Amino acid sequence: MAHFNRKYFTCSLSNCSLDHYANGLCRNHYARELRYRHGGLSAKFRLQGGFGGTAEDLVSKLLIAKGATVKRMPYNAPFDILVNGTIRVEVKAGIKRSSETWAFNIHRHGTIDERCDWYVCVLMDLNALWVVRAPVNKYQLECGIKKAKQIQGEQNPLSPLLQAS
C-alpha cells in the first residue's frame, strides 16, 4: 500500500491544536460551525472567551459606563452580575434562529430557578439588549423580529434596571 506524503495542518482557532478537518477547523469546531452557521455568528466569534462570557462583559461595561457599580459573580452563583450591591442580574445571550426569533433559556436542566431581579437578554447578532423583570415563570423567553427592531433603536435599554436601584 502506498503512503502519501500528506502535510497536516492544525485548526485555525488560536486556542486549538487539533488536526485540520475542513474549512481550516478541526472536527469539533467544524461541527459547531455547521450547527451555528445559520445563527449569524461564526464559531470563531463565539469562542473568544466563551459565548456567554462576551455577553456578560458587554452588559458589565455598559452598566459601568452609566455609573453603576458592578460585581461579576462566580460561575456557580444563581445570577451573573450584582449591580449597585443590591440588584441581581442574569445575562442571557442569544442568536437569531432560522425562524427569525431569538430564544433565551431561563431553565437549567429543566428546573426554573429565578433567584435574580432582572434578565438582560443580549441579541448578539444585533448588539441589542432586552431587559425583562424577573420572575417570568417560563422555561424560555422568545423575542420576535418586530420586538427586536423596536429594542434595537432604544438609546438607553438599561434604564429600567438602573431606575430600580
Protein backbone atom coordinates (compact mmCIF):
# COMPACT_ATOMS: atom_id res chain seq x y z
CA MET A 1 0.00 0.00 0.00
CA ALA A 2 1.40 3.36 -1.00
CA HIS A 3 1.72 6.05 1.63
CA PHE A 4 1.07 9.57 0.54
CA ASN A 5 3.23 12.37 1.84
CA ARG A 6 0.43 14.49 3.27
CA LYS A 7 1.09 17.73 5.10
CA TYR A 8 -1.04 18.03 8.25
CA PHE A 9 -2.44 21.35 9.33
CA THR A 10 -3.93 22.32 12.65
CA CYS A 11 -7.19 24.07 13.46
CA SER A 12 -7.15 27.79 12.65
CA LEU A 13 -8.55 28.82 16.05
CA SER A 14 -5.78 30.18 18.25
CA ASN A 15 -6.55 28.05 21.32
CA CYS A 16 -6.87 24.72 19.44
CA SER A 17 -4.06 22.44 18.32
CA LEU A 18 -6.11 19.56 16.86
CA ASP A 19 -5.63 18.39 13.29
CA HIS A 20 -7.36 20.25 10.49
CA TYR A 21 -10.58 18.62 9.24
CA ALA A 22 -12.41 21.06 6.93
CA ASN A 23 -12.56 24.80 6.24
CA GLY A 24 -9.48 25.37 8.40
CA LEU A 25 -11.15 23.93 11.50
CA CYS A 26 -10.76 20.69 13.46
CA ARG A 27 -13.65 18.19 13.56
CA ASN A 28 -15.13 19.62 16.80
CA HIS A 29 -15.06 23.26 15.70
CA TYR A 30 -16.29 22.40 12.21
CA ALA A 31 -19.32 20.63 13.74
CA ARG A 32 -20.05 23.72 15.85
CA GLU A 33 -19.67 25.91 12.78
CA LEU A 34 -22.24 23.82 10.91
CA ARG A 35 -24.59 23.87 13.88
CA TYR A 36 -24.49 27.67 14.32
CA ARG A 37 -23.78 28.84 10.78
CA HIS A 38 -27.34 29.99 10.17
CA GLY A 39 -27.50 31.77 13.53
CA GLY A 40 -25.48 34.76 12.34
CA LEU A 41 -22.29 34.28 14.38
CA SER A 42 -19.28 32.24 13.41
CA ALA A 43 -17.63 29.78 15.78
CA LYS A 44 -14.53 32.00 15.89
CA PHE A 45 -16.56 34.88 17.38
CA ARG A 46 -18.36 32.70 19.94
CA LEU A 47 -15.16 31.04 21.16
CA GLN A 48 -13.43 34.29 22.12
CA GLY A 49 -13.74 33.84 25.88
CA GLY A 50 -16.96 31.85 25.63
CA PHE A 51 -20.30 32.75 24.13
CA GLY A 52 -21.99 33.80 27.38
CA GLY A 53 -18.85 35.49 28.72
CA THR A 54 -18.81 38.05 25.95
CA ALA A 55 -22.42 38.99 26.69
CA GLU A 56 -21.65 39.43 30.39
CA ASP A 57 -18.64 41.59 29.51
CA LEU A 58 -20.81 43.74 27.24
CA VAL A 59 -23.51 44.28 29.87
CA SER A 60 -20.93 44.97 32.61
CA LYS A 61 -19.17 47.60 30.50
CA LEU A 62 -22.46 49.32 29.64
CA LEU A 63 -23.52 49.41 33.29
CA ILE A 64 -20.15 50.81 34.38
CA ALA A 65 -20.41 53.47 31.67
CA LYS A 66 -23.78 54.51 33.15
CA GLY A 67 -22.15 54.97 36.58
CA ALA A 68 -23.25 51.74 38.26
CA THR A 69 -21.01 49.61 40.44
CA VAL A 70 -20.75 46.12 39.01
CA LYS A 71 -19.58 42.89 40.62
CA ARG A 72 -19.23 39.80 38.44
CA MET A 73 -20.33 36.67 40.25
CA PRO A 74 -18.62 33.24 40.18
CA TYR A 75 -19.78 30.50 37.83
CA ASN A 76 -21.86 28.63 40.43
CA ALA A 77 -23.79 31.72 41.60
CA PRO A 78 -27.53 31.88 40.79
CA PHE A 79 -27.05 35.17 38.89
CA ASP A 80 -24.27 36.74 36.81
CA ILE A 81 -23.88 40.37 37.91
CA LEU A 82 -24.58 42.26 41.14
CA VAL A 83 -25.38 45.90 40.34
CA ASN A 84 -25.03 48.65 42.98
CA GLY A 85 -24.79 45.99 45.69
CA THR A 86 -28.48 45.06 45.56
CA ILE A 87 -29.76 44.30 42.04
CA ARG A 88 -29.19 40.72 40.85
CA VAL A 89 -28.92 40.46 37.07
CA GLU A 90 -28.88 37.29 34.97
CA VAL A 91 -27.41 37.78 31.48
CA LYS A 92 -28.72 35.62 28.66
CA ALA A 93 -27.19 35.58 25.19
CA GLY A 94 -28.94 34.51 22.01
CA ILE A 95 -28.50 34.46 18.27
CA LYS A 96 -31.17 34.59 15.61
CA ARG A 97 -32.60 31.22 14.69
CA SER A 98 -33.85 30.28 11.25
CA SER A 99 -37.41 31.11 12.38
CA GLU A 100 -36.47 34.82 12.74
CA THR A 101 -36.68 34.64 16.54
CA TRP A 102 -34.21 34.79 19.40
CA ALA A 103 -34.62 32.26 22.22
CA PHE A 104 -33.26 32.64 25.75
CA ASN A 105 -33.34 29.64 28.09
CA ILE A 106 -34.38 30.54 31.61
CA HIS A 107 -34.29 26.99 32.96
CA ARG A 108 -31.25 24.96 33.90
CA HIS A 109 -31.63 21.24 33.24
CA GLY A 110 -35.42 21.57 33.22
CA THR A 111 -35.63 23.45 36.53
CA ILE A 112 -36.71 27.07 36.76
CA ASP A 113 -34.62 28.80 39.45
CA GLU A 114 -35.24 32.53 39.29
CA ARG A 115 -33.09 33.98 42.05
CA CYS A 116 -32.47 37.21 40.18
CA ASP A 117 -34.27 40.54 39.87
CA TRP A 118 -33.74 41.20 36.15
CA TYR A 119 -32.86 39.36 32.97
CA VAL A 120 -30.76 41.15 30.38
CA CYS A 121 -31.15 39.28 27.11
CA VAL A 122 -28.44 40.15 24.59
CA LEU A 123 -29.30 39.72 20.92
CA MET A 124 -25.69 39.08 19.91
CA ASP A 125 -26.01 39.49 16.16
CA LEU A 126 -27.86 42.84 16.55
CA ASN A 127 -25.92 44.19 19.56
CA ALA A 128 -29.27 44.95 21.19
CA LEU A 129 -30.40 44.45 24.80
CA TRP A 130 -33.79 43.31 26.01
CA VAL A 131 -34.34 43.95 29.72
CA VAL A 132 -37.04 41.81 31.40
CA ARG A 133 -38.14 41.97 35.04
CA ALA A 134 -37.95 38.63 36.88
CA PRO A 135 -39.68 36.32 37.66
CA VAL A 136 -41.05 35.30 34.28
CA ASN A 137 -42.12 31.75 35.31
CA LYS A 138 -41.30 30.36 31.87
CA TYR A 139 -38.71 27.91 30.61
CA GLN A 140 -37.77 30.12 27.68
CA LEU A 141 -38.17 33.72 26.52
CA GLU A 142 -38.58 34.42 22.82
CA CYS A 143 -38.06 37.68 21.01
CA GLY A 144 -39.54 38.08 17.53
CA ILE A 145 -38.26 40.26 14.71
CA LYS A 146 -40.78 43.06 15.45
CA LYS A 147 -39.70 43.33 19.09
CA ALA A 148 -36.03 43.06 18.06
CA LYS A 149 -36.31 46.04 15.71
CA GLN A 150 -38.08 48.00 18.44
CA ILE A 151 -35.40 47.39 21.08
CA GLN A 152 -32.55 47.86 18.60
CA GLY A 153 -33.43 51.54 18.32
CA GLU A 154 -33.55 52.25 22.07
CA GLN A 155 -30.97 54.75 23.29
CA ASN A 156 -30.76 53.57 26.90
CA PRO A 157 -32.04 49.98 27.20
CA LEU A 158 -30.69 49.52 30.75
CA SER A 159 -32.64 52.47 32.21
CA PRO A 160 -35.40 50.34 33.86
CA LEU A 161 -32.74 48.31 35.64
CA LEU A 162 -30.84 51.39 36.86
CA GLN A 163 -34.02 53.19 38.00
CA ALA A 164 -34.91 50.23 40.22
CA SER A 165 -31.88 50.79 42.47
